[in-house]
Amino acid sequence: MTANITYFDSDGASQVTTVTLADAYAGITQRAKKLGYRSVSDRALLNIQEALGAITGNDGIDQIRIALDTVTLSAPYGFAAVLSAAGAGGVWSAIGTRGYRLSAINANGETFVSAEITINVDNVTKKVTLSWTQVTGATGYRLYRTNTPGTYGATSLRSAIAGGATVTFVDDGTATITGTLPATNTTAGWTLFGVLSGAGAGGVWGSTGLRYWRVVAVDSAGAEIANSLELSVNVDDVTKKVTLSWAAVTGAVTYKLYRSTVSGTYTSPALVTTVTAPTVTYDDTGTATTTGGLATTPTYGIPPATFTVGPWAVGTVAIGLEIYFWIKLIVPLGTPETGNPRLALVTTKET
């Protein structure tokens, strides 16, 4: 029977086969990168371990470290559908094949979606009973449905399902509502929060409209540790302020806040301010941003404090289950900077 996995980038959605880390310099803390994989086998994977492997002629095995990610949720798996008998109370507008995908949610955000399942509703009075395996750490799920399998539009949300222990849903054909598939897995944070004040709070904005923020945690050497997801707030009155807050990051000495009027673009001058730890809040009144831009992407979480060469015991990985981990380069002082590719393998194996 086949044992196979598909690797994901930090966003928990984009598939990757190889990963190139940013340039690493001796003695400088490197930004960690999160990766993940989903089992696409036809059986459960047994006694899985994550470990590092050497590549002949390279010393990457001496420089790279790994750590399991225990925060990011897996997308739902074990997803199945069963059609009832006629006369069960279905209210479908027409017969036809329906496609379903399911995501899990927690306080931070939403996973990417499960693999799609389809079922042919051949009688409008039938119902579809959907079931799945409980996702560890989930506080609920979001179910998406389409009349055109493979294509999910802006009104594809069938239901927001409360409770992580809820693992079934009966679809009677009720119309879907506004909501489309998530593009990434945001369940690990790192999330920036914002609260808009009332009018007259001291805001000096040049105009009203949507504003976007990101925050970056920086260590004592000036290296980036964590990079937040984007926050958007509609500033509807120029005298209002936006109170920003975020979770503390271990090892952070300062936090740099960036603001933009364009989502995803933080070209200099975009720096709002630099906040000294342990402070994790700032009132943005709309004063002009200063020199400094942000080109790096979100880390999709806060890297753990401890990295090792492994091996890490994962255990049984069910079909469709996702596992996430972090990798980081740690290059000691005195290591030659040229002529050394520093290559290594991260291995996922049954033992």
C-alpha atoms as a PDB file:
ATOM      1  CA  MET A   1       0.000   0.000   0.000  1.00  0.00           C
ATOM      2  CA  THR A   2       1.181   3.522  -0.811  1.00  0.00           C
ATOM      3  CA  ALA A   3       2.861   5.755   1.782  1.00  0.00           C
ATOM      4  CA  ASN A   4       3.008   9.297   0.487  1.00  0.00           C
ATOM      5  CA  ILE A   5       2.857  12.900   1.727  1.00  0.00           C
ATOM      6  CA  THR A   6       2.504  16.352   0.191  1.00  0.00           C
ATOM      7  CA  TYR A   7       4.501  19.243   1.678  1.00  0.00           C
ATOM      8  CA  PHE A   8       3.079  22.732   2.319  1.00  0.00           C
ATOM      9  CA  ASP A   9       4.743  26.114   2.614  1.00  0.00           C
ATOM     10  CA  SER A  10       4.303  28.324   5.705  1.00  0.00           C
ATOM     11  CA  ASP A  11       0.803  29.350   4.631  1.00  0.00           C
ATOM     12  CA  GLY A  12      -0.476  25.783   4.995  1.00  0.00           C
ATOM     13  CA  ALA A  13      -1.874  25.794   1.459  1.00  0.00           C
ATOM     14  CA  SER A  14       0.869  26.228  -1.175  1.00  0.00           C
ATOM     15  CA  GLN A  15       2.564  22.953  -2.088  1.00  0.00           C
ATOM     16  CA  VAL A  16       6.389  22.810  -2.150  1.00  0.00           C
ATOM     17  CA  THR A  17       8.998  20.194  -3.042  1.00  0.00           C
ATOM     18  CA  THR A  18      12.192  21.985  -1.967  1.00  0.00           C
ATOM     19  CA  VAL A  19      12.759  24.961   0.334  1.00  0.00           C
ATOM     20  CA  THR A  20      15.536  27.552   0.156  1.00  0.00           C
ATOM     21  CA  LEU A  21      16.027  29.516   3.365  1.00  0.00           C
ATOM     22  CA  ALA A  22      17.193  33.129   3.383  1.00  0.00           C
ATOM     23  CA  ASP A  23      20.951  33.782   3.435  1.00  0.00           C
ATOM     24  CA  ALA A  24      22.428  32.804   6.791  1.00  0.00           C
ATOM     25  CA  TYR A  25      25.399  34.542   8.404  1.00  0.00           C
ATOM     26  CA  ALA A  26      27.625  33.225  11.165  1.00  0.00           C
ATOM     27  CA  GLY A  27      26.628  34.336  14.626  1.00  0.00           C
ATOM     28  CA  ILE A  28      23.339  35.931  13.516  1.00  0.00           C
ATOM     29  CA  THR A  29      19.990  34.506  14.574  1.00  0.00           C
ATOM     30  CA  GLN A  30      18.053  33.422  11.484  1.00  0.00           C
ATOM     31  CA  ARG A  31      14.315  33.733  10.996  1.00  0.00           C
ATOM     32  CA  ALA A  32      12.625  30.343  11.436  1.00  0.00           C
ATOM     33  CA  LYS A  33      10.351  28.968   8.721  1.00  0.00           C
ATOM     34  CA  LYS A  34       7.237  26.889   9.220  1.00  0.00           C
ATOM     35  CA  LEU A  35       6.420  23.971   6.906  1.00  0.00           C
ATOM     36  CA  GLY A  36       3.847  21.215   6.935  1.00  0.00           C
ATOM     37  CA  TYR A  37       2.661  18.122   5.155  1.00  0.00           C
ATOM     38  CA  ARG A  38      -0.547  16.188   4.546  1.00  0.00           C
ATOM     39  CA  SER A  39      -0.741  12.411   4.269  1.00  0.00           C
ATOM     40  CA  VAL A  40      -2.059  11.496   0.814  1.00  0.00           C
ATOM     41  CA  SER A  41      -1.522   7.789   1.390  1.00  0.00           C
ATOM     42  CA  ASP A  42      -4.122   5.058   1.076  1.00  0.00           C
ATOM     43  CA  ARG A  43      -3.394   3.920   4.638  1.00  0.00           C
ATOM     44  CA  ALA A  44      -2.421   5.369   7.986  1.00  0.00           C
ATOM     45  CA  LEU A  45       1.304   6.101   8.368  1.00  0.00           C
ATOM     46  CA  LEU A  46       2.724   4.351  11.439  1.00  0.00           C
ATOM     47  CA  ASN A  47       5.392   5.444  13.931  1.00  0.00           C
ATOM     48  CA  ILE A  48       6.276   8.601  12.019  1.00  0.00           C
ATOM     49  CA  GLN A  49       9.393  10.557  12.971  1.00  0.00           C
ATOM     50  CA  GLU A  50      10.758  13.932  11.876  1.00  0.00           C
ATOM     51  CA  ALA A  51      14.551  14.036  11.698  1.00  0.00           C
ATOM     52  CA  LEU A  52      17.456  15.644   9.865  1.00  0.00           C
ATOM     53  CA  GLY A  53      19.640  13.951   7.281  1.00  0.00           C
ATOM     54  CA  ALA A  54      23.077  14.874   5.954  1.00  0.00           C
ATOM     55  CA  ILE A  55      23.923  15.487   2.285  1.00  0.00           C
ATOM     56  CA  THR A  56      27.450  14.390   1.370  1.00  0.00           C
ATOM     57  CA  GLY A  57      29.869  17.297   1.041  1.00  0.00           C
ATOM     58  CA  ASN A  58      27.693  19.772   2.943  1.00  0.00           C
ATOM     59  CA  ASP A  59      27.590  20.783   6.591  1.00  0.00           C
ATOM     60  CA  GLY A  60      23.921  21.782   6.644  1.00  0.00           C
ATOM     61  CA  ILE A  61      23.224  18.989   9.125  1.00  0.00           C
ATOM     62  CA  ASP A  62      25.403  20.923  11.608  1.00  0.00           C
ATOM     63  CA  GLN A  63      23.569  24.205  10.980  1.00  0.00           C
ATOM     64  CA  ILE A  64      19.884  23.370  10.646  1.00  0.00           C
ATOM     65  CA  ARG A  65      17.484  22.622  13.499  1.00  0.00           C
ATOM     66  CA  ILE A  66      13.838  21.523  13.644  1.00  0.00           C
ATOM     67  CA  ALA A  67      10.942  21.776  16.084  1.00  0.00           C
ATOM     68  CA  LEU A  68       7.421  20.387  15.961  1.00  0.00           C
ATOM     69  CA  ASP A  69       4.583  22.900  15.695  1.00  0.00           C
ATOM     70  CA  THR A  70       1.878  22.066  18.229  1.00  0.00           C
ATOM     71  CA  VAL A  71      -0.263  25.151  17.538  1.00  0.00           C
ATOM     72  CA  THR A  72      -1.297  25.019  13.876  1.00  0.00           C
ATOM     73  CA  LEU A  73      -4.469  22.992  13.286  1.00  0.00           C
ATOM     74  CA  SER A  74      -4.739  20.354  10.607  1.00  0.00           C
ATOM     75  CA  ALA A  75      -7.362  20.812   7.938  1.00  0.00           C
ATOM     76  CA  PRO A  76     -10.230  18.357   8.526  1.00  0.00           C
ATOM     77  CA  TYR A  77      -9.762  14.785   7.303  1.00  0.00           C
ATOM     78  CA  GLY A  78     -11.783  11.580   7.162  1.00  0.00           C
ATOM     79  CA  PHE A  79     -14.459  13.626   5.328  1.00  0.00           C
ATOM     80  CA  ALA A  80     -17.368  11.563   3.952  1.00  0.00           C
ATOM     81  CA  ALA A  81     -20.949  11.990   2.711  1.00  0.00           C
ATOM     82  CA  VAL A  82     -23.982   9.683   2.762  1.00  0.00           C
ATOM     83  CA  LEU A  83     -27.248  10.299   0.892  1.00  0.00           C
ATOM     84  CA  SER A  84     -30.533   9.529   2.661  1.00  0.00           C
ATOM     85  CA  ALA A  85     -33.626   7.882   1.247  1.00  0.00           C
ATOM     86  CA  ALA A  86     -36.256   9.979  -0.538  1.00  0.00           C
ATOM     87  CA  GLY A  87     -38.759  11.882   1.581  1.00  0.00           C
ATOM     88  CA  ALA A  88     -36.275  12.736   4.355  1.00  0.00           C
ATOM     89  CA  GLY A  89     -37.059  16.455   4.215  1.00  0.00           C
ATOM     90  CA  GLY A  90     -34.614  17.752   1.622  1.00  0.00           C
ATOM     91  CA  VAL A  91     -35.353  21.164   0.110  1.00  0.00           C
ATOM     92  CA  TRP A  92     -32.920  21.180  -2.815  1.00  0.00           C
ATOM     93  CA  SER A  93     -33.812  23.514  -5.661  1.00  0.00           C
ATOM     94  CA  ALA A  94     -32.694  20.909  -8.215  1.00  0.00           C
ATOM     95  CA  ILE A  95     -31.033  17.538  -8.462  1.00  0.00           C
ATOM     96  CA  GLY A  96     -27.334  17.298  -9.345  1.00  0.00           C
ATOM     97  CA  THR A  97     -23.839  16.646  -8.027  1.00  0.00           C
ATOM     98  CA  ARG A  98     -22.682  18.783  -5.090  1.00  0.00           C
ATOM     99  CA  GLY A  99     -19.117  19.366  -3.942  1.00  0.00           C
ATOM    100  CA  TYR A 100     -18.129  19.924  -0.303  1.00  0.00           C
ATOM    101  CA  ARG A 101     -14.995  21.130   1.448  1.00  0.00           C
ATOM    102  CA  LEU A 102     -14.496  21.663   5.175  1.00  0.00           C
ATOM    103  CA  SER A 103     -12.171  23.822   7.290  1.00  0.00           C
ATOM    104  CA  ALA A 104     -11.450  23.903  11.044  1.00  0.00           C
ATOM    105  CA  ILE A 105     -11.307  27.070  13.142  1.00  0.00           C
ATOM    106  CA  ASN A 106      -9.876  28.246  16.466  1.00  0.00           C
ATOM    107  CA  ALA A 107      -9.471  31.604  18.203  1.00  0.00           C
ATOM    108  CA  ASN A 108      -6.671  32.619  15.823  1.00  0.00           C
ATOM    109  CA  GLY A 109      -8.229  31.805  12.480  1.00  0.00           C
ATOM    110  CA  GLU A 110      -9.157  29.121   9.972  1.00  0.00           C
ATOM    111  CA  THR A 111      -7.332  26.224   8.336  1.00  0.00           C
ATOM    112  CA  PHE A 112      -7.064  25.620   4.634  1.00  0.00           C
ATOM    113  CA  VAL A 113      -9.795  23.247   3.455  1.00  0.00           C
ATOM    114  CA  SER A 114     -10.054  19.484   3.291  1.00  0.00           C
ATOM    115  CA  ALA A 115      -9.920  17.517   0.093  1.00  0.00           C
ATOM    116  CA  GLU A 116     -13.192  17.867  -1.819  1.00  0.00           C
ATOM    117  CA  ILE A 117     -15.872  15.201  -1.652  1.00  0.00           C
ATOM    118  CA  THR A 118     -18.813  14.985  -4.060  1.00  0.00           C
ATOM    119  CA  ILE A 119     -22.225  13.350  -3.966  1.00  0.00           C
ATOM    120  CA  ASN A 120     -25.061  13.141  -6.492  1.00  0.00           C
ATOM    121  CA  VAL A 121     -28.345  14.399  -5.048  1.00  0.00           C
ATOM    122  CA  ASP A 122     -30.752  12.508  -7.308  1.00  0.00           C
ATOM    123  CA  ASN A 123     -33.930  13.475  -5.485  1.00  0.00           C
ATOM    124  CA  VAL A 124     -34.694  16.928  -4.054  1.00  0.00           C
ATOM    125  CA  THR A 125     -36.329  15.453  -0.927  1.00  0.00           C
ATOM    126  CA  LYS A 126     -33.167  13.605   0.159  1.00  0.00           C
ATOM    127  CA  LYS A 127     -30.600  14.868   2.685  1.00  0.00           C
ATOM    128  CA  VAL A 128     -26.819  14.560   2.799  1.00  0.00           C
ATOM    129  CA  THR A 129     -25.189  13.523   6.065  1.00  0.00           C
ATOM    130  CA  LEU A 130     -21.568  14.674   6.248  1.00  0.00           C
ATOM    131  CA  SER A 131     -19.041  13.349   8.762  1.00  0.00           C
ATOM    132  CA  TRP A 132     -15.354  13.841   9.564  1.00  0.00           C
ATOM    133  CA  THR A 133     -12.673  13.124  12.158  1.00  0.00           C
ATOM    134  CA  GLN A 134     -12.432  15.559  15.078  1.00  0.00           C
ATOM    135  CA  VAL A 135      -9.513  17.976  14.607  1.00  0.00           C
ATOM    136  CA  THR A 136      -7.437  18.363  17.771  1.00  0.00           C
ATOM    137  CA  GLY A 137      -7.642  21.958  19.014  1.00  0.00           C
ATOM    138  CA  ALA A 138     -10.543  22.992  16.799  1.00  0.00           C
ATOM    139  CA  THR A 139     -13.337  25.097  18.290  1.00  0.00           C
ATOM    140  CA  GLY A 140     -15.580  24.662  15.258  1.00  0.00           C
ATOM    141  CA  TYR A 141     -15.721  24.086  11.509  1.00  0.00           C
ATOM    142  CA  ARG A 142     -16.864  25.843   8.336  1.00  0.00           C
ATOM    143  CA  LEU A 143     -18.618  23.848   5.659  1.00  0.00           C
ATOM    144  CA  TYR A 144     -18.543  24.977   2.011  1.00  0.00           C
ATOM    145  CA  ARG A 145     -20.770  23.678  -0.803  1.00  0.00           C
ATOM    146  CA  THR A 146     -20.903  24.141  -4.550  1.00  0.00           C
ATOM    147  CA  ASN A 147     -23.144  23.043  -7.406  1.00  0.00           C
ATOM    148  CA  THR A 148     -20.026  22.976  -9.599  1.00  0.00           C
ATOM    149  CA  PRO A 149     -17.457  20.693  -7.968  1.00  0.00           C
ATOM    150  CA  GLY A 150     -14.003  22.259  -8.001  1.00  0.00           C
ATOM    151  CA  THR A 151     -15.341  25.835  -8.103  1.00  0.00           C
ATOM    152  CA  TYR A 152     -16.386  27.727  -4.964  1.00  0.00           C
ATOM    153  CA  GLY A 153     -17.617  31.284  -5.375  1.00  0.00           C
ATOM    154  CA  ALA A 154     -18.273  34.179  -3.031  1.00  0.00           C
ATOM    155  CA  THR A 155     -21.434  32.575  -1.582  1.00  0.00           C
ATOM    156  CA  SER A 156     -20.182  29.060  -0.896  1.00  0.00           C
ATOM    157  CA  LEU A 157     -20.510  28.915   2.888  1.00  0.00           C
ATOM    158  CA  ARG A 158     -23.143  26.383   3.892  1.00  0.00           C
ATOM    159  CA  SER A 159     -22.697  26.597   7.661  1.00  0.00           C
ATOM    160  CA  ALA A 160     -20.419  27.739  10.487  1.00  0.00           C
ATOM    161  CA  ILE A 161     -20.485  24.743  12.828  1.00  0.00           C
ATOM    162  CA  ALA A 162     -19.907  25.434  16.530  1.00  0.00           C
ATOM    163  CA  GLY A 163     -17.953  23.050  18.746  1.00  0.00           C
ATOM    164  CA  GLY A 164     -14.753  21.193  17.975  1.00  0.00           C
ATOM    165  CA  ALA A 165     -16.323  17.900  19.075  1.00  0.00           C
ATOM    166  CA  THR A 166     -19.116  18.229  16.498  1.00  0.00           C
ATOM    167  CA  VAL A 167     -18.218  15.861  13.655  1.00  0.00           C
ATOM    168  CA  THR A 168     -21.435  15.582  11.626  1.00  0.00           C
ATOM    169  CA  PHE A 169     -23.725  17.900   9.697  1.00  0.00           C
ATOM    170  CA  VAL A 170     -26.977  17.137   7.880  1.00  0.00           C
ATOM    171  CA  ASP A 171     -27.455  19.203   4.736  1.00  0.00           C
ATOM    172  CA  ASP A 172     -31.054  19.482   3.604  1.00  0.00           C
ATOM    173  CA  GLY A 173     -30.215  21.685   0.620  1.00  0.00           C
ATOM    174  CA  THR A 174     -30.754  25.061   2.298  1.00  0.00           C
ATOM    175  CA  ALA A 175     -29.087  27.795   0.238  1.00  0.00           C
ATOM    176  CA  THR A 176     -25.474  28.757   0.917  1.00  0.00           C
ATOM    177  CA  ILE A 177     -24.554  32.216   2.200  1.00  0.00           C
ATOM    178  CA  THR A 178     -21.720  34.727   1.753  1.00  0.00           C
ATOM    179  CA  GLY A 179     -18.319  33.172   2.371  1.00  0.00           C
ATOM    180  CA  THR A 180     -15.655  31.509   0.245  1.00  0.00           C
ATOM    181  CA  LEU A 181     -12.740  29.133   0.787  1.00  0.00           C
ATOM    182  CA  PRO A 182      -9.822  30.345   2.926  1.00  0.00           C
ATOM    183  CA  ALA A 183      -6.567  30.874   1.029  1.00  0.00           C
ATOM    184  CA  THR A 184      -4.212  30.011   3.908  1.00  0.00           C
ATOM    185  CA  ASN A 185      -4.043  28.347   7.330  1.00  0.00           C
ATOM    186  CA  THR A 186      -4.097  31.124   9.958  1.00  0.00           C
ATOM    187  CA  THR A 187      -4.808  29.009  13.052  1.00  0.00           C
ATOM    188  CA  ALA A 188      -1.365  29.614  14.605  1.00  0.00           C
ATOM    189  CA  GLY A 189      -1.532  33.428  14.470  1.00  0.00           C
ATOM    190  CA  TRP A 190       0.618  35.510  14.975  1.00  0.00           C
ATOM    191  CA  THR A 191      -2.334  37.923  14.953  1.00  0.00           C
ATOM    192  CA  LEU A 192      -2.388  41.704  15.233  1.00  0.00           C
ATOM    193  CA  PHE A 193      -5.562  43.084  16.805  1.00  0.00           C
ATOM    194  CA  GLY A 194      -7.040  46.566  16.397  1.00  0.00           C
ATOM    195  CA  VAL A 195      -9.833  48.498  18.096  1.00  0.00           C
ATOM    196  CA  LEU A 196     -11.219  51.714  16.602  1.00  0.00           C
ATOM    197  CA  SER A 197     -12.048  54.377  19.195  1.00  0.00           C
ATOM    198  CA  GLY A 198     -14.912  56.805  19.265  1.00  0.00           C
ATOM    199  CA  ALA A 199     -14.674  60.211  17.596  1.00  0.00           C
ATOM    200  CA  GLY A 200     -12.552  62.932  19.186  1.00  0.00           C
ATOM    201  CA  ALA A 201      -9.882  60.550  20.558  1.00  0.00           C
ATOM    202  CA  GLY A 202      -6.983  62.520  19.097  1.00  0.00           C
ATOM    203  CA  GLY A 203      -6.776  61.104  15.585  1.00  0.00           C
ATOM    204  CA  VAL A 204      -4.985  63.190  12.965  1.00  0.00           C
ATOM    205  CA  TRP A 205      -5.623  61.075   9.864  1.00  0.00           C
ATOM    206  CA  GLY A 206      -5.317  62.848   6.544  1.00  0.00           C
ATOM    207  CA  SER A 207      -8.396  61.065   5.247  1.00  0.00           C
ATOM    208  CA  THR A 208     -10.845  58.315   6.111  1.00  0.00           C
ATOM    209  CA  GLY A 209     -10.683  54.827   4.628  1.00  0.00           C
ATOM    210  CA  LEU A 210      -9.188  51.384   5.080  1.00  0.00           C
ATOM    211  CA  ARG A 211      -5.753  51.104   6.690  1.00  0.00           C
ATOM    212  CA  TYR A 212      -3.576  47.984   6.961  1.00  0.00           C
ATOM    213  CA  TRP A 213      -0.987  47.047   9.618  1.00  0.00           C
ATOM    214  CA  ARG A 214       1.660  44.385  10.261  1.00  0.00           C
ATOM    215  CA  VAL A 215       3.981  43.978  13.253  1.00  0.00           C
ATOM    216  CA  VAL A 216       7.433  42.361  13.350  1.00  0.00           C
ATOM    217  CA  ALA A 217       9.228  41.042  16.454  1.00  0.00           C
ATOM    218  CA  VAL A 218      12.980  41.804  16.502  1.00  0.00           C
ATOM    219  CA  ASP A 219      15.669  40.296  18.768  1.00  0.00           C
ATOM    220  CA  SER A 220      18.746  41.888  20.368  1.00  0.00           C
ATOM    221  CA  ALA A 221      20.847  41.324  17.219  1.00  0.00           C
ATOM    222  CA  GLY A 222      18.276  43.099  15.055  1.00  0.00           C
ATOM    223  CA  ALA A 223      17.054  39.869  13.461  1.00  0.00           C
ATOM    224  CA  GLU A 224      13.381  39.222  12.725  1.00  0.00           C
ATOM    225  CA  ILE A 225      11.815  36.530  14.910  1.00  0.00           C
ATOM    226  CA  ALA A 226       8.149  36.674  13.978  1.00  0.00           C
ATOM    227  CA  ASN A 227       6.057  38.489  11.401  1.00  0.00           C
ATOM    228  CA  SER A 228       2.322  38.980  11.911  1.00  0.00           C
ATOM    229  CA  LEU A 229      -0.683  38.457   9.721  1.00  0.00           C
ATOM    230  CA  GLU A 230      -2.209  41.625   8.304  1.00  0.00           C
ATOM    231  CA  LEU A 231      -4.831  43.653  10.168  1.00  0.00           C
ATOM    232  CA  SER A 232      -7.291  45.965   8.416  1.00  0.00           C
ATOM    233  CA  VAL A 233      -9.452  48.653  10.030  1.00  0.00           C
ATOM    234  CA  ASN A 234     -11.778  51.149   8.349  1.00  0.00           C
ATOM    235  CA  VAL A 235     -10.958  54.557   9.830  1.00  0.00           C
ATOM    236  CA  ASP A 236     -14.296  56.277   9.279  1.00  0.00           C
ATOM    237  CA  ASP A 237     -13.521  59.480  11.198  1.00  0.00           C
ATOM    238  CA  VAL A 238     -10.206  61.340  11.090  1.00  0.00           C
ATOM    239  CA  THR A 239     -10.370  62.126  14.823  1.00  0.00           C
ATOM    240  CA  LYS A 240     -10.502  58.465  15.870  1.00  0.00           C
ATOM    241  CA  LYS A 241      -7.487  56.352  16.881  1.00  0.00           C
ATOM    242  CA  VAL A 242      -6.739  52.659  16.436  1.00  0.00           C
ATOM    243  CA  THR A 243      -5.441  50.756  19.456  1.00  0.00           C
ATOM    244  CA  LEU A 244      -3.180  47.945  18.243  1.00  0.00           C
ATOM    245  CA  SER A 245      -2.201  44.926  20.359  1.00  0.00           C
ATOM    246  CA  TRP A 246      -0.429  41.594  19.868  1.00  0.00           C
ATOM    247  CA  ALA A 247       0.905  38.597  21.783  1.00  0.00           C
ATOM    248  CA  ALA A 248       4.403  38.828  23.269  1.00  0.00           C
ATOM    249  CA  VAL A 249       7.177  36.908  21.498  1.00  0.00           C
ATOM    250  CA  THR A 250       9.929  35.224  23.521  1.00  0.00           C
ATOM    251  CA  GLY A 251      13.282  36.830  22.757  1.00  0.00           C
ATOM    252  CA  ALA A 252      11.821  39.989  21.247  1.00  0.00           C
ATOM    253  CA  VAL A 253      13.509  43.235  22.292  1.00  0.00           C
ATOM    254  CA  THR A 254      11.456  45.516  20.054  1.00  0.00           C
ATOM    255  CA  TYR A 255       8.393  45.372  17.834  1.00  0.00           C
ATOM    256  CA  LYS A 256       8.217  47.316  14.569  1.00  0.00           C
ATOM    257  CA  LEU A 257       4.778  48.449  13.401  1.00  0.00           C
ATOM    258  CA  TYR A 258       4.090  49.102   9.715  1.00  0.00           C
ATOM    259  CA  ARG A 259       1.043  50.745   8.107  1.00  0.00           C
ATOM    260  CA  SER A 260      -0.234  51.009   4.560  1.00  0.00           C
ATOM    261  CA  THR A 261      -3.249  52.075   2.542  1.00  0.00           C
ATOM    262  CA  VAL A 262      -2.754  49.093   0.205  1.00  0.00           C
ATOM    263  CA  SER A 263      -3.216  45.530   1.405  1.00  0.00           C
ATOM    264  CA  GLY A 264      -0.007  43.502   1.308  1.00  0.00           C
ATOM    265  CA  THR A 265       2.222  46.431   0.297  1.00  0.00           C
ATOM    266  CA  TYR A 266       4.465  48.121   2.886  1.00  0.00           C
ATOM    267  CA  THR A 267       6.912  50.135   0.821  1.00  0.00           C
ATOM    268  CA  SER A 268       9.000  52.743   2.662  1.00  0.00           C
ATOM    269  CA  PRO A 269       7.987  55.034   4.280  1.00  0.00           C
ATOM    270  CA  ALA A 270       5.692  52.569   6.057  1.00  0.00           C
ATOM    271  CA  LEU A 271       7.128  52.432   9.606  1.00  0.00           C
ATOM    272  CA  VAL A 272       4.675  53.727  12.203  1.00  0.00           C
ATOM    273  CA  THR A 273       6.859  53.250  15.283  1.00  0.00           C
ATOM    274  CA  THR A 274       9.217  50.922  17.139  1.00  0.00           C
ATOM    275  CA  VAL A 275       7.833  49.667  20.442  1.00  0.00           C
ATOM    276  CA  THR A 276      10.176  48.434  23.184  1.00  0.00           C
ATOM    277  CA  ALA A 277       9.320  45.098  24.803  1.00  0.00           C
ATOM    278  CA  PRO A 278       7.590  44.088  27.031  1.00  0.00           C
ATOM    279  CA  THR A 279       5.019  46.617  25.757  1.00  0.00           C
ATOM    280  CA  VAL A 280       2.655  44.930  23.272  1.00  0.00           C
ATOM    281  CA  THR A 281       0.217  47.728  22.473  1.00  0.00           C
ATOM    282  CA  TYR A 282       0.248  51.044  20.625  1.00  0.00           C
ATOM    283  CA  ASP A 283      -2.300  53.797  19.889  1.00  0.00           C
ATOM    284  CA  ASP A 284      -2.056  54.798  16.228  1.00  0.00           C
ATOM    285  CA  THR A 285      -3.522  58.271  15.755  1.00  0.00           C
ATOM    286  CA  GLY A 286      -2.611  58.480  12.083  1.00  0.00           C
ATOM    287  CA  THR A 287       0.628  60.459  12.289  1.00  0.00           C
ATOM    288  CA  ALA A 288       2.768  60.186   9.164  1.00  0.00           C
ATOM    289  CA  THR A 289       4.796  57.016   8.709  1.00  0.00           C
ATOM    290  CA  THR A 290       8.601  57.269   8.542  1.00  0.00           C
ATOM    291  CA  THR A 291      11.439  55.639   6.601  1.00  0.00           C
ATOM    292  CA  GLY A 292      11.285  51.874   6.675  1.00  0.00           C
ATOM    293  CA  GLY A 293       9.510  49.216   4.646  1.00  0.00           C
ATOM    294  CA  LEU A 294       8.498  45.590   5.110  1.00  0.00           C
ATOM    295  CA  ALA A 295       9.260  43.074   2.379  1.00  0.00           C
ATOM    296  CA  THR A 296       9.204  39.822   4.348  1.00  0.00           C
ATOM    297  CA  THR A 297       6.151  37.587   4.518  1.00  0.00           C
ATOM    298  CA  PRO A 298       4.201  36.454   7.600  1.00  0.00           C
ATOM    299  CA  THR A 299       5.629  33.601   9.651  1.00  0.00           C
ATOM    300  CA  TYR A 300       2.106  32.202  10.242  1.00  0.00           C
ATOM    301  CA  GLY A 301       2.811  31.811  13.926  1.00  0.00           C
ATOM    302  CA  ILE A 302       5.450  32.375  16.596  1.00  0.00           C
ATOM    303  CA  PRO A 303       8.478  30.060  16.364  1.00  0.00           C
ATOM    304  CA  PRO A 304       9.047  27.883  19.446  1.00  0.00           C
ATOM    305  CA  ALA A 305      11.891  28.640  21.824  1.00  0.00           C
ATOM    306  CA  THR A 306      13.675  25.296  21.402  1.00  0.00           C
ATOM    307  CA  PHE A 307      15.017  23.730  18.184  1.00  0.00           C
ATOM    308  CA  THR A 308      17.016  20.472  17.926  1.00  0.00           C
ATOM    309  CA  VAL A 309      18.214  18.021  15.292  1.00  0.00           C
ATOM    310  CA  GLY A 310      15.466  15.598  16.354  1.00  0.00           C
ATOM    311  CA  PRO A 311      14.262  13.003  15.890  1.00  0.00           C
ATOM    312  CA  TRP A 312      10.756  14.041  16.877  1.00  0.00           C
ATOM    313  CA  ALA A 313       8.207  11.270  17.381  1.00  0.00           C
ATOM    314  CA  VAL A 314       4.924  12.117  15.648  1.00  0.00           C
ATOM    315  CA  GLY A 315       3.140   8.765  15.925  1.00  0.00           C
ATOM    316  CA  THR A 316       0.341   7.616  13.625  1.00  0.00           C
ATOM    317  CA  VAL A 317      -0.631   9.967  10.809  1.00  0.00           C
ATOM    318  CA  ALA A 318      -4.119   9.275   9.464  1.00  0.00           C
ATOM    319  CA  ILE A 319      -5.031   9.703   5.805  1.00  0.00           C
ATOM    320  CA  GLY A 320      -5.481  13.439   5.200  1.00  0.00           C
ATOM    321  CA  LEU A 321      -4.019  14.525   8.564  1.00  0.00           C
ATOM    322  CA  GLU A 322      -1.603  17.485   8.459  1.00  0.00           C
ATOM    323  CA  ILE A 323       1.551  17.851  10.569  1.00  0.00           C
ATOM    324  CA  TYR A 324       3.479  21.128  10.908  1.00  0.00           C
ATOM    325  CA  PHE A 325       7.056  21.850  11.994  1.00  0.00           C
ATOM    326  CA  TRP A 326       9.642  24.668  12.050  1.00  0.00           C
ATOM    327  CA  ILE A 327      13.157  24.751  10.622  1.00  0.00           C
ATOM    328  CA  LYS A 328      15.912  27.250  11.386  1.00  0.00           C
ATOM    329  CA  LEU A 329      19.572  27.776  10.491  1.00  0.00           C
ATOM    330  CA  ILE A 330      21.981  28.297  13.387  1.00  0.00           C
ATOM    331  CA  VAL A 331      25.435  29.143  12.035  1.00  0.00           C
ATOM    332  CA  PRO A 332      28.183  29.431  14.704  1.00  0.00           C
ATOM    333  CA  LEU A 333      30.716  32.242  14.634  1.00  0.00           C
ATOM    334  CA  GLY A 334      33.819  31.352  12.637  1.00  0.00           C
ATOM    335  CA  THR A 335      31.941  29.224  10.093  1.00  0.00           C
ATOM    336  CA  PRO A 336      33.237  29.963   6.545  1.00  0.00           C
ATOM    337  CA  GLU A 337      30.796  32.144   4.610  1.00  0.00           C
ATOM    338  CA  THR A 338      31.756  31.006   1.084  1.00  0.00           C
ATOM    339  CA  GLY A 339      32.070  27.698  -0.725  1.00  0.00           C
ATOM    340  CA  ASN A 340      29.607  25.899   1.513  1.00  0.00           C
ATOM    341  CA  PRO A 341      26.004  25.395   0.303  1.00  0.00           C
ATOM    342  CA  ARG A 342      24.875  24.239   3.783  1.00  0.00           C
ATOM    343  CA  LEU A 343      22.409  21.705   2.436  1.00  0.00           C
ATOM    344  CA  ALA A 344      20.538  19.167   4.555  1.00  0.00           C
ATOM    345  CA  LEU A 345      17.467  16.959   4.442  1.00  0.00           C
ATOM    346  CA  VAL A 346      14.410  17.125   6.657  1.00  0.00           C
ATOM    347  CA  THR A 347      13.102  13.564   6.633  1.00  0.00           C
ATOM    348  CA  THR A 348       9.645  12.228   7.426  1.00  0.00           C
ATOM    349  CA  LYS A 349       9.782   8.469   7.861  1.00  0.00           C
ATOM    350  CA  GLU A 350       8.068   5.445   9.325  1.00  0.00           C
ATOM    351  CA  THR A 351      10.202   3.637  11.921  1.00  0.00           C
END
